[in-house]
Amino acid sequence: MRHLPDLDAVPGLVSVWCGPIAGPPAYQRNAEATHYAASTMKVAVLAALYAGGHDLDQEVAVHNEFTGVTGATFGLKRRHDQDDEVWRRVGHTATPRWLAARMVTHSSNLATNLLLERVGLPAVDRSWRAVGARHSAVRRGLGDTAAADAGITNEVTAADLARLFGAIARGELAGSDEMLATLLDQRRTEDLAAGLPAGTRVAHKNGWVMGVRHGAGVVFPADAPPFVLAVCLTTPWALNRTDDKACQIVSRIAGAAWENRHDLG
C-alpha cells in the first residue's frame, strides 16, 4: 500500500488489515498476530447482545460488583473508566440499548461489564466464531484483576477485527444496521478517524491502554466503495494519550488507506 509510514521503525508489533468489506485484504501485515484486545473487544460484546435476542429496552440494574471467571468478586475503579454518565446510574437502572451505545461511543467499561454479565462469555465467543475469527477471544470482564493475574486475557487480531466489521457492514449479523449506526456515532476520534478527511463517514471502535493502541472500522468514501481497516499496535509508543506516537501511527495508516481507496476493491 502506497504512502504508508515506515512501520519497520515502530518498536513492538504492528498489525494491519485493509481491504474491501467482502475481502480479501488488499494489504496486510502481521494480521493474524494476537494483541491484548483493550476496548476493541466491546464490538464482539455488542454483536453478542444483538445475536442473543435480548430485550434491549427492558430496564436492568446498574451496579459495580461482578463475579469474575475465577470466582472472585471484583469492581471497576471509576477513575479508570471513560464515561461518567453510566456511573451516575449506579444504584438505578438503564436499558441494554443505552448501555450498548455508551459502551461503544464513549467506551464505557462499566457498561461493558454490565452487558457482558447479561450475555455471557460463551455468547461473545459464538459471535467471534460466527464471523470466522481465528484467534480473538473475550475471556474475562474488564477490571477482573484476579483473572488477569492468572493469565486469563482478552485478545484480538487485526484480521479478526476486519472479519467482524466486514460482517456488520455486509449486514450478515443480527442487528447489523443498529450496530453500524452505533459505530458511526463513535465519539473517540483521535486515532483512526483522525487520519481521514473531515466529515468522512466511518463506523469504528478503538482501544487503548499503556502499551496498546488499536483502531478498526469501516470507512465509507463518497467516491469509492467502502473498505475495512484494522490496525493493532503493541508498542512502547502507546502512552495512553490522545496525542502519543501510537495514535499518530494509526492515523497515518488510515491516511494511507484513504489515499489508496480507489485500489482497495
Protein backbone atom coordinates (compact mmCIF):
# COMPACT_ATOMS: atom_id res chain seq x y z
CA MET A 1 0.00 0.00 0.00
CA ARG A 2 1.48 3.33 -1.07
CA HIS A 3 2.16 6.22 1.34
CA LEU A 4 2.40 4.06 4.46
CA PRO A 5 4.67 5.32 7.23
CA ASP A 6 7.79 3.27 7.94
CA LEU A 7 6.20 0.56 10.06
CA ASP A 8 9.52 -1.24 10.50
CA ALA A 9 10.68 1.75 12.54
CA VAL A 10 7.86 1.30 15.08
CA PRO A 11 9.10 -0.63 18.14
CA GLY A 12 6.95 -3.61 19.05
CA LEU A 13 4.28 -5.34 16.99
CA VAL A 14 2.33 -3.58 14.22
CA SER A 15 -0.61 -5.40 12.61
CA VAL A 16 -2.72 -4.11 9.73
CA TRP A 17 -5.59 -5.46 7.64
CA CYS A 18 -7.07 -3.30 4.87
CA GLY A 19 -9.43 -4.24 2.08
CA PRO A 20 -13.00 -4.28 0.77
CA ILE A 21 -15.81 -5.23 3.14
CA ALA A 22 -16.12 -8.63 1.48
CA GLY A 23 -12.36 -9.23 1.45
CA PRO A 24 -9.79 -10.43 0.60
CA PRO A 25 -7.26 -7.97 2.00
CA ALA A 26 -5.60 -5.55 -0.36
CA TYR A 27 -2.86 -5.10 2.23
CA GLN A 28 -1.99 -6.95 5.41
CA ARG A 29 0.89 -7.04 7.84
CA ASN A 30 1.08 -9.43 10.80
CA ALA A 31 -2.71 -9.57 10.52
CA GLU A 32 -3.12 -12.86 12.41
CA ALA A 33 -0.83 -11.89 15.29
CA THR A 34 -2.57 -11.56 18.65
CA HIS A 35 -2.65 -8.40 20.77
CA TYR A 36 -4.26 -7.55 24.07
CA ALA A 37 -7.74 -6.50 22.96
CA ALA A 38 -8.26 -3.37 25.09
CA SER A 39 -11.64 -1.85 24.20
CA THR A 40 -11.92 -3.35 20.73
CA MET A 41 -13.47 -6.42 22.43
CA LYS A 42 -16.55 -4.27 23.02
CA VAL A 43 -17.62 -4.76 19.40
CA ALA A 44 -17.81 -8.53 19.98
CA VAL A 45 -19.89 -7.90 23.12
CA LEU A 46 -22.16 -5.67 21.03
CA ALA A 47 -22.59 -8.42 18.43
CA ALA A 48 -23.41 -10.97 21.14
CA LEU A 49 -26.05 -8.67 22.62
CA TYR A 50 -27.88 -8.38 19.30
CA ALA A 51 -27.45 -12.05 18.45
CA GLY A 52 -28.98 -13.18 21.74
CA GLY A 53 -32.50 -11.87 21.19
CA HIS A 54 -32.38 -9.79 24.38
CA ASP A 55 -35.00 -7.17 25.13
CA LEU A 56 -32.89 -4.09 24.58
CA ASP A 57 -35.41 -1.77 26.18
CA GLN A 58 -36.04 -3.63 29.43
CA GLU A 59 -34.51 -1.72 32.35
CA VAL A 60 -31.66 -3.53 34.12
CA ALA A 61 -29.88 -2.69 37.38
CA VAL A 62 -26.69 -0.65 37.10
CA HIS A 63 -24.13 -1.86 39.64
CA ASN A 64 -20.40 -2.27 40.05
CA GLU A 65 -19.96 -5.68 41.62
CA PHE A 66 -19.26 -8.65 39.38
CA THR A 67 -18.25 -12.28 39.74
CA GLY A 68 -15.09 -12.97 37.78
CA VAL A 69 -14.15 -16.10 35.90
CA THR A 70 -12.04 -17.31 38.84
CA GLY A 71 -14.99 -16.88 41.20
CA ALA A 72 -13.54 -13.75 42.81
CA THR A 73 -15.72 -10.67 43.13
CA PHE A 74 -14.41 -7.51 41.51
CA GLY A 75 -15.41 -3.97 40.64
CA LEU A 76 -14.10 -1.20 38.42
CA LYS A 77 -12.41 1.98 39.56
CA ARG A 78 -14.28 5.00 38.31
CA ARG A 79 -11.11 6.92 37.50
CA HIS A 80 -10.10 4.18 35.05
CA ASP A 81 -13.34 4.46 33.04
CA GLN A 82 -14.20 6.73 30.14
CA ASP A 83 -17.82 7.65 30.78
CA ASP A 84 -19.24 9.32 33.90
CA GLU A 85 -22.82 9.03 32.60
CA VAL A 86 -23.01 5.31 33.29
CA TRP A 87 -21.53 5.75 36.76
CA ARG A 88 -24.22 8.30 37.60
CA ARG A 89 -26.76 5.50 37.18
CA VAL A 90 -25.19 3.14 39.73
CA GLY A 91 -27.98 2.13 42.09
CA HIS A 92 -30.56 2.89 39.41
CA THR A 93 -31.39 1.31 36.04
CA ALA A 94 -30.65 1.64 32.35
CA THR A 95 -31.64 -0.20 29.18
CA PRO A 96 -29.23 -2.52 27.38
CA ARG A 97 -29.69 -0.38 24.27
CA TRP A 98 -28.44 2.71 26.13
CA LEU A 99 -25.61 0.77 27.74
CA ALA A 100 -24.56 -0.58 24.35
CA ALA A 101 -24.38 2.92 22.92
CA ARG A 102 -22.27 4.17 25.85
CA MET A 103 -20.03 1.09 25.61
CA VAL A 104 -19.18 1.89 22.01
CA THR A 105 -19.43 5.65 21.55
CA HIS A 106 -17.84 6.63 24.89
CA SER A 107 -16.01 3.34 25.57
CA SER A 108 -17.67 2.81 28.95
CA ASN A 109 -16.05 -0.09 30.80
CA LEU A 110 -18.87 -0.28 33.34
CA ALA A 111 -21.46 -0.58 30.55
CA THR A 112 -19.32 -3.32 29.01
CA ASN A 113 -19.24 -5.40 32.19
CA LEU A 114 -22.99 -4.98 32.69
CA LEU A 115 -23.67 -6.22 29.17
CA LEU A 116 -21.09 -8.99 29.43
CA GLU A 117 -22.81 -10.16 32.62
CA ARG A 118 -26.08 -10.21 30.68
CA VAL A 119 -24.95 -12.04 27.52
CA GLY A 120 -22.23 -14.29 28.99
CA LEU A 121 -18.75 -15.11 27.73
CA PRO A 122 -19.87 -18.11 25.61
CA ALA A 123 -22.18 -15.85 23.59
CA VAL A 124 -19.32 -13.47 22.84
CA ASP A 125 -17.20 -16.40 21.70
CA ARG A 126 -20.01 -17.52 19.41
CA SER A 127 -20.07 -14.04 17.87
CA TRP A 128 -16.38 -14.25 17.09
CA ARG A 129 -16.74 -17.70 15.56
CA ALA A 130 -19.79 -16.64 13.53
CA VAL A 131 -17.63 -14.22 11.55
CA GLY A 132 -14.77 -16.69 11.10
CA ALA A 133 -12.45 -15.23 13.73
CA ARG A 134 -9.44 -17.47 14.22
CA HIS A 135 -7.66 -16.20 17.31
CA SER A 136 -9.68 -13.47 19.06
CA ALA A 137 -11.38 -14.21 22.36
CA VAL A 138 -13.07 -12.45 25.27
CA ARG A 139 -12.20 -14.48 28.35
CA ARG A 140 -12.87 -12.07 31.22
CA GLY A 141 -14.52 -8.83 32.17
CA LEU A 142 -12.73 -5.52 32.35
CA GLY A 143 -11.04 -4.95 35.69
CA ASP A 144 -11.10 -8.65 36.66
CA THR A 145 -7.62 -8.50 38.17
CA ALA A 146 -7.76 -12.00 39.65
CA ALA A 147 -8.30 -13.41 36.17
CA ALA A 148 -5.61 -11.17 34.70
CA ASP A 149 -3.16 -12.30 37.40
CA ALA A 150 -3.99 -15.90 36.44
CA GLY A 151 -3.05 -15.17 32.82
CA ILE A 152 -6.64 -15.02 31.54
CA THR A 153 -6.85 -12.24 28.99
CA ASN A 154 -8.78 -10.82 26.05
CA GLU A 155 -7.10 -10.98 22.64
CA VAL A 156 -7.73 -9.74 19.12
CA THR A 157 -6.03 -9.79 15.76
CA ALA A 158 -6.31 -7.21 13.00
CA ALA A 159 -7.70 -9.87 10.67
CA ASP A 160 -10.40 -10.95 13.14
CA LEU A 161 -11.45 -7.35 13.77
CA ALA A 162 -11.69 -6.91 10.00
CA ARG A 163 -13.84 -10.05 9.77
CA LEU A 164 -16.18 -8.72 12.46
CA PHE A 165 -16.51 -5.23 10.99
CA GLY A 166 -16.89 -6.67 7.49
CA ALA A 167 -19.75 -8.91 8.60
CA ILE A 168 -21.51 -5.95 10.23
CA ALA A 169 -21.03 -3.80 7.12
CA ARG A 170 -22.41 -6.56 4.90
CA GLY A 171 -25.48 -6.90 7.12
CA GLU A 172 -24.79 -10.53 7.96
CA LEU A 173 -25.30 -10.33 11.73
CA ALA A 174 -28.46 -9.83 13.74
CA GLY A 175 -28.83 -6.12 14.41
CA SER A 176 -26.18 -5.14 11.86
CA ASP A 177 -27.96 -1.92 10.90
CA GLU A 178 -28.27 -0.76 14.51
CA MET A 179 -24.71 -1.79 15.32
CA LEU A 180 -23.44 0.11 12.30
CA ALA A 181 -25.38 3.21 13.36
CA THR A 182 -23.88 3.00 16.84
CA LEU A 183 -20.35 2.59 15.48
CA LEU A 184 -20.89 5.56 13.15
CA ASP A 185 -21.67 7.65 16.25
CA GLN A 186 -18.23 6.99 17.78
CA ARG A 187 -17.01 9.96 19.83
CA ARG A 188 -13.38 8.88 20.31
CA THR A 189 -11.80 10.04 17.08
CA GLU A 190 -8.16 10.65 17.99
CA ASP A 191 -6.59 7.77 16.06
CA LEU A 192 -8.14 6.04 13.02
CA ALA A 193 -10.72 8.74 12.26
CA ALA A 194 -8.11 11.48 12.65
CA GLY A 195 -6.33 10.22 9.55
CA LEU A 196 -9.40 10.63 7.33
CA PRO A 197 -10.72 13.83 5.75
CA ALA A 198 -13.09 15.78 7.98
CA GLY A 199 -16.68 14.61 7.58
CA THR A 200 -15.80 11.12 6.31
CA ARG A 201 -18.33 8.51 7.43
CA VAL A 202 -16.52 5.89 9.45
CA ALA A 203 -18.03 3.23 11.73
CA HIS A 204 -15.24 2.36 14.12
CA LYS A 205 -14.03 1.39 17.57
CA ASN A 206 -10.66 1.99 19.13
CA GLY A 207 -8.90 0.60 22.17
CA TRP A 208 -6.04 1.78 24.32
CA VAL A 209 -4.10 1.04 27.48
CA MET A 210 -0.45 1.64 28.27
CA GLY A 211 1.50 -0.16 25.56
CA VAL A 212 -1.50 -0.73 23.29
CA ARG A 213 -3.36 1.38 20.71
CA HIS A 214 -5.83 -0.15 18.25
CA GLY A 215 -8.33 1.23 15.75
CA ALA A 216 -10.68 -0.72 13.49
CA GLY A 217 -13.68 0.16 11.40
CA VAL A 218 -15.45 0.57 8.09
CA VAL A 219 -14.76 3.68 6.03
CA PHE A 220 -17.42 4.97 3.63
CA PRO A 221 -15.87 7.26 0.99
CA ALA A 222 -18.28 9.22 -1.18
CA ASP A 223 -16.23 8.40 -4.28
CA ALA A 224 -15.23 4.77 -3.75
CA PRO A 225 -16.64 1.53 -2.29
CA PRO A 226 -16.50 1.14 1.49
CA PHE A 227 -13.45 -0.54 2.95
CA VAL A 228 -12.38 -2.10 6.23
CA LEU A 229 -9.27 -1.05 8.08
CA ALA A 230 -7.96 -2.65 11.27
CA VAL A 231 -4.75 -1.55 12.95
CA CYS A 232 -3.35 -3.08 16.15
CA LEU A 233 -0.25 -1.70 17.84
CA THR A 234 1.54 -3.19 20.82
CA THR A 235 4.33 -0.70 21.33
CA PRO A 236 6.05 1.44 23.97
CA TRP A 237 4.91 4.41 21.86
CA ALA A 238 1.38 3.85 23.22
CA LEU A 239 1.29 6.09 26.30
CA ASN A 240 -2.48 6.17 26.83
CA ARG A 241 -2.66 9.71 25.44
CA THR A 242 -4.64 11.10 22.54
CA ASP A 243 -1.53 12.72 21.05
CA ASP A 244 1.06 9.99 21.53
CA LYS A 245 3.13 8.44 18.75
CA ALA A 246 0.95 5.33 18.61
CA CYS A 247 -2.14 7.44 17.89
CA GLN A 248 -0.22 9.21 15.17
CA ILE A 249 0.84 5.94 13.55
CA VAL A 250 -2.75 4.64 13.46
CA SER A 251 -3.82 7.97 11.99
CA ARG A 252 -1.12 7.89 9.33
CA ILE A 253 -2.03 4.32 8.34
CA ALA A 254 -5.65 5.44 7.98
CA GLY A 255 -4.49 8.35 5.83
CA ALA A 256 -2.56 5.97 3.58
CA ALA A 257 -5.60 3.68 3.28
CA TRP A 258 -7.69 6.68 2.28
CA GLU A 259 -5.20 7.71 -0.41
CA ASN A 260 -5.35 4.14 -1.78
CA ARG A 261 -9.16 3.86 -1.50
CA HIS A 262 -9.71 3.52 -5.25
CA ASP A 263 -7.41 0.49 -5.35
CA LEU A 264 -8.83 -1.43 -2.40
CA GLY A 265 -11.65 -3.15 -4.25
